[in-house]
Each structure stands twice: as C-alpha cells, then as structure tokens.
Amino acid sequence: MPTLLRGAYYEQWRPAATPVKHRTKADFLARVEDSFRTDPLVQASQAVMAVFELLSKKISRGEIDDVRRSLPGELRNLWPEPYVSAGMMRP
C-alpha cells in the first residue's frame, strides 16, 4: 500500500491537520537533522542536495521544474539545476 494511503488509513494521518508552517532553509534542514537523530548526518545540506540530485536523474525534467518552482527561493537553491554528467544527458 502506498505510504500516503497507509498513513491515512492505518495511522489516521490527516495532511491538512499537520501543515508545515516553517519554510526557511534553516527550518527545513533542522527538520531533516531531527529525522536523523539516531544516525546523525555530518552535513544535512549536502545530504539534501544529494537526494535532490538523485531525484533529478530519476524524474522527468518537467516534473522537477514544477517542484523546484513551488519551493521557496532559499530551498530551491539546495536543488541544483539539471546537469549533464558522464554519459548521462538530461532531456
């Protein structure tokens, strides 16, 4: 079962009841660090950028552009522009 549906069905998670109010880079990175309390990250910003880079390789350019545009500017800066790597061209 997809995580979103499982959360709503089994765990009674209601997205509208738990919106994230803080949208600054510092708040976002603090939430990421908090999620890794048991296995702390050396640099949360580098880990976030690595995840965004991986997503850029796996998801279409149009979808990535839509998501990046929806982020606040300082968070958008964590997501590198699509790039060309060795042997891998982005459309």
N, C-alpha and C. Protein backbone atom coordinates (compact mmCIF):
# COMPACT_ATOMS: atom_id res chain seq x y z
N MET A 1 0.86 -1.18 0.00
CA MET A 1 0.00 0.00 0.00
C MET A 1 0.91 1.25 0.00
N PRO A 2 0.61 2.23 -0.84
CA PRO A 2 1.43 3.45 -0.83
C PRO A 2 1.46 4.10 0.54
N THR A 3 2.59 4.71 0.86
CA THR A 3 2.81 5.29 2.18
C THR A 3 1.74 6.30 2.56
N LEU A 4 1.37 7.16 1.62
CA LEU A 4 0.36 8.17 1.91
C LEU A 4 -0.96 7.53 2.31
N LEU A 5 -1.39 6.53 1.55
CA LEU A 5 -2.65 5.86 1.88
C LEU A 5 -2.55 5.08 3.18
N ARG A 6 -1.42 4.41 3.37
CA ARG A 6 -1.23 3.66 4.61
C ARG A 6 -1.30 4.60 5.82
N GLY A 7 -0.62 5.75 5.71
CA GLY A 7 -0.63 6.71 6.80
C GLY A 7 -2.03 7.20 7.11
N ALA A 8 -2.80 7.48 6.06
CA ALA A 8 -4.16 7.98 6.25
C ALA A 8 -5.09 6.89 6.78
N TYR A 9 -4.93 5.67 6.28
CA TYR A 9 -5.84 4.59 6.66
C TYR A 9 -5.50 3.98 8.01
N TYR A 10 -4.25 3.56 8.18
CA TYR A 10 -3.86 2.85 9.41
C TYR A 10 -3.48 3.78 10.56
N GLU A 11 -2.85 4.89 10.24
CA GLU A 11 -2.33 5.76 11.29
C GLU A 11 -3.15 7.03 11.48
N GLN A 12 -4.27 7.13 10.77
CA GLN A 12 -5.18 8.27 10.86
C GLN A 12 -4.46 9.61 10.67
N TRP A 13 -3.47 9.62 9.78
CA TRP A 13 -2.74 10.86 9.47
C TRP A 13 -3.62 11.73 8.59
N ARG A 14 -3.72 12.98 8.93
CA ARG A 14 -4.53 13.94 8.18
C ARG A 14 -3.61 15.09 7.74
N PRO A 15 -3.22 15.14 6.46
CA PRO A 15 -2.28 16.16 6.00
C PRO A 15 -2.72 17.59 6.31
N ALA A 16 -4.00 17.88 6.20
CA ALA A 16 -4.49 19.24 6.45
C ALA A 16 -4.33 19.64 7.91
N ALA A 17 -4.28 18.67 8.79
CA ALA A 17 -4.16 18.96 10.22
C ALA A 17 -2.70 19.17 10.63
N THR A 18 -1.75 18.84 9.76
CA THR A 18 -0.34 18.94 10.13
C THR A 18 0.48 19.68 9.06
N PRO A 19 0.05 20.87 8.64
CA PRO A 19 0.86 21.57 7.64
C PRO A 19 2.16 22.09 8.26
N VAL A 20 3.18 22.18 7.43
CA VAL A 20 4.46 22.72 7.88
C VAL A 20 4.42 24.22 7.66
N LYS A 21 4.54 24.96 8.74
CA LYS A 21 4.47 26.42 8.67
C LYS A 21 5.81 27.05 8.32
N HIS A 22 6.91 26.43 8.77
CA HIS A 22 8.23 27.00 8.56
C HIS A 22 8.75 26.60 7.18
N ARG A 23 9.11 27.59 6.39
CA ARG A 23 9.57 27.29 5.04
C ARG A 23 10.92 27.92 4.74
N THR A 24 11.72 28.11 5.78
CA THR A 24 13.05 28.64 5.55
C THR A 24 14.02 27.48 5.40
N LYS A 25 15.16 27.77 4.82
CA LYS A 25 16.20 26.76 4.64
C LYS A 25 16.64 26.20 5.99
N ALA A 26 16.85 27.07 6.96
CA ALA A 26 17.30 26.63 8.29
C ALA A 26 16.27 25.71 8.94
N ASP A 27 14.99 26.06 8.84
CA ASP A 27 13.93 25.22 9.42
C ASP A 27 13.87 23.86 8.73
N PHE A 28 13.98 23.87 7.40
CA PHE A 28 13.93 22.63 6.63
C PHE A 28 15.10 21.72 7.02
N LEU A 29 16.31 22.28 7.06
CA LEU A 29 17.48 21.47 7.41
C LEU A 29 17.40 20.97 8.85
N ALA A 30 16.83 21.77 9.74
CA ALA A 30 16.64 21.33 11.12
C ALA A 30 15.70 20.14 11.19
N ARG A 31 14.64 20.16 10.38
CA ARG A 31 13.71 19.02 10.36
C ARG A 31 14.39 17.77 9.82
N VAL A 32 15.24 17.95 8.79
CA VAL A 32 15.98 16.81 8.24
C VAL A 32 16.91 16.26 9.31
N GLU A 33 17.68 17.12 9.96
CA GLU A 33 18.60 16.68 11.01
C GLU A 33 17.84 15.98 12.14
N ASP A 34 16.69 16.50 12.50
CA ASP A 34 15.89 15.90 13.56
C ASP A 34 15.43 14.49 13.18
N SER A 35 15.17 14.27 11.89
CA SER A 35 14.75 12.95 11.41
C SER A 35 15.87 11.93 11.50
N PHE A 36 17.11 12.41 11.59
CA PHE A 36 18.26 11.52 11.64
C PHE A 36 18.97 11.56 13.00
N ARG A 37 18.22 11.80 14.05
CA ARG A 37 18.81 11.87 15.39
C ARG A 37 19.57 10.61 15.77
N THR A 38 19.02 9.44 15.42
CA THR A 38 19.68 8.19 15.81
C THR A 38 20.89 7.87 14.94
N ASP A 39 20.97 8.46 13.76
CA ASP A 39 22.10 8.27 12.85
C ASP A 39 22.43 9.63 12.24
N PRO A 40 23.06 10.51 13.04
CA PRO A 40 23.24 11.91 12.63
C PRO A 40 23.98 12.08 11.30
N LEU A 41 23.57 13.11 10.57
CA LEU A 41 24.23 13.48 9.32
C LEU A 41 25.39 14.40 9.63
N VAL A 42 26.45 14.30 8.83
CA VAL A 42 27.58 15.20 9.00
C VAL A 42 27.17 16.60 8.53
N GLN A 43 26.59 16.67 7.34
CA GLN A 43 26.09 17.94 6.81
C GLN A 43 24.74 17.70 6.16
N ALA A 44 23.70 18.16 6.79
CA ALA A 44 22.35 17.95 6.27
C ALA A 44 22.19 18.57 4.89
N SER A 45 22.75 19.73 4.66
CA SER A 45 22.57 20.38 3.36
C SER A 45 23.18 19.55 2.23
N GLN A 46 24.32 18.93 2.47
CA GLN A 46 24.94 18.08 1.45
C GLN A 46 24.09 16.83 1.20
N ALA A 47 23.51 16.27 2.25
CA ALA A 47 22.65 15.09 2.10
C ALA A 47 21.40 15.45 1.31
N VAL A 48 20.81 16.60 1.60
CA VAL A 48 19.61 17.05 0.89
C VAL A 48 19.93 17.27 -0.59
N MET A 49 21.06 17.91 -0.86
CA MET A 49 21.45 18.15 -2.25
C MET A 49 21.68 16.83 -2.99
N ALA A 50 22.24 15.84 -2.32
CA ALA A 50 22.46 14.54 -2.95
C ALA A 50 21.13 13.87 -3.29
N VAL A 51 20.16 13.98 -2.40
CA VAL A 51 18.83 13.40 -2.66
C VAL A 51 18.17 14.12 -3.84
N PHE A 52 18.25 15.46 -3.85
CA PHE A 52 17.67 16.22 -4.96
C PHE A 52 18.36 15.86 -6.27
N GLU A 53 19.66 15.67 -6.24
CA GLU A 53 20.40 15.29 -7.45
C GLU A 53 19.93 13.93 -7.95
N LEU A 54 19.75 12.97 -7.04
CA LEU A 54 19.25 11.66 -7.42
C LEU A 54 17.86 11.76 -8.03
N LEU A 55 16.99 12.54 -7.40
CA LEU A 55 15.64 12.73 -7.95
C LEU A 55 15.69 13.32 -9.35
N SER A 56 16.62 14.24 -9.58
CA SER A 56 16.76 14.86 -10.90
C SER A 56 17.13 13.84 -11.96
N LYS A 57 17.82 12.79 -11.56
CA LYS A 57 18.21 11.74 -12.51
C LYS A 57 17.07 10.77 -12.78
N LYS A 58 16.14 10.66 -11.84
CA LYS A 58 15.09 9.64 -11.93
C LYS A 58 13.73 10.17 -12.38
N ILE A 59 13.52 11.49 -12.29
CA ILE A 59 12.22 12.08 -12.59
C ILE A 59 12.38 13.02 -13.78
N SER A 60 11.34 13.13 -14.58
CA SER A 60 11.42 13.95 -15.79
C SER A 60 11.74 15.41 -15.46
N ARG A 61 12.40 16.05 -16.41
CA ARG A 61 12.81 17.45 -16.24
C ARG A 61 11.61 18.34 -15.94
N GLY A 62 10.49 18.13 -16.66
CA GLY A 62 9.30 18.95 -16.44
C GLY A 62 8.76 18.84 -15.03
N GLU A 63 8.74 17.62 -14.49
CA GLU A 63 8.25 17.44 -13.12
C GLU A 63 9.20 18.10 -12.12
N ILE A 64 10.49 17.94 -12.34
CA ILE A 64 11.48 18.56 -11.45
C ILE A 64 11.32 20.08 -11.49
N ASP A 65 11.16 20.64 -12.68
CA ASP A 65 10.98 22.09 -12.81
C ASP A 65 9.74 22.56 -12.04
N ASP A 66 8.65 21.80 -12.13
CA ASP A 66 7.42 22.16 -11.40
C ASP A 66 7.66 22.16 -9.89
N VAL A 67 8.32 21.13 -9.39
CA VAL A 67 8.58 21.03 -7.96
C VAL A 67 9.52 22.15 -7.51
N ARG A 68 10.59 22.37 -8.26
CA ARG A 68 11.54 23.42 -7.90
C ARG A 68 10.86 24.79 -7.84
N ARG A 69 9.97 25.07 -8.80
CA ARG A 69 9.27 26.36 -8.81
C ARG A 69 8.36 26.52 -7.60
N SER A 70 7.88 25.43 -7.05
CA SER A 70 6.97 25.52 -5.91
C SER A 70 7.71 25.73 -4.58
N LEU A 71 9.01 25.55 -4.59
CA LEU A 71 9.79 25.72 -3.36
C LEU A 71 10.13 27.18 -3.11
N PRO A 72 10.26 27.56 -1.84
CA PRO A 72 10.76 28.91 -1.54
C PRO A 72 12.18 29.05 -2.10
N GLY A 73 12.57 30.25 -2.45
CA GLY A 73 13.85 30.50 -3.09
C GLY A 73 15.04 29.88 -2.40
N GLU A 74 15.13 30.03 -1.08
CA GLU A 74 16.32 29.51 -0.41
C GLU A 74 16.35 27.99 -0.37
N LEU A 75 15.19 27.33 -0.45
CA LEU A 75 15.18 25.87 -0.57
C LEU A 75 15.48 25.45 -2.00
N ARG A 76 15.00 26.23 -2.95
CA ARG A 76 15.26 25.95 -4.35
C ARG A 76 16.76 25.93 -4.63
N ASN A 77 17.50 26.76 -3.89
CA ASN A 77 18.95 26.81 -4.08
C ASN A 77 19.65 25.52 -3.66
N LEU A 78 19.00 24.70 -2.82
CA LEU A 78 19.56 23.41 -2.45
C LEU A 78 19.43 22.39 -3.59
N TRP A 79 18.49 22.64 -4.49
CA TRP A 79 18.24 21.70 -5.58
C TRP A 79 18.99 22.20 -6.81
N PRO A 80 20.10 21.55 -7.16
CA PRO A 80 20.89 22.03 -8.29
C PRO A 80 20.10 21.94 -9.60
N GLU A 81 20.42 22.87 -10.50
CA GLU A 81 19.82 22.82 -11.83
C GLU A 81 20.17 21.49 -12.46
N PRO A 82 19.29 20.96 -13.32
CA PRO A 82 19.64 19.72 -14.03
C PRO A 82 20.98 19.90 -14.75
N TYR A 83 21.75 18.86 -14.76
CA TYR A 83 23.10 18.93 -15.28
C TYR A 83 23.39 17.76 -16.20
N VAL A 84 24.52 17.81 -16.83
CA VAL A 84 24.99 16.71 -17.67
C VAL A 84 26.14 16.05 -16.92
N SER A 85 26.02 14.74 -16.67
CA SER A 85 27.11 14.03 -16.01
C SER A 85 27.69 13.04 -17.01
N ALA A 86 28.73 12.38 -16.63
CA ALA A 86 29.41 11.45 -17.52
C ALA A 86 28.44 10.44 -18.11
N GLY A 87 28.20 10.56 -19.39
CA GLY A 87 27.35 9.59 -20.08
C GLY A 87 25.86 9.73 -19.83
N MET A 88 25.44 10.76 -19.13
CA MET A 88 24.01 10.90 -18.83
C MET A 88 23.54 12.29 -19.20
N MET A 89 22.73 12.39 -20.24
CA MET A 89 22.21 13.68 -20.68
C MET A 89 20.79 13.82 -20.19
N ARG A 90 20.45 14.98 -19.74
CA ARG A 90 19.07 15.29 -19.36
C ARG A 90 18.34 15.78 -20.59
N PRO A 91 17.08 15.40 -20.77
CA PRO A 91 16.32 15.92 -21.93
C PRO A 91 16.09 17.40 -21.84
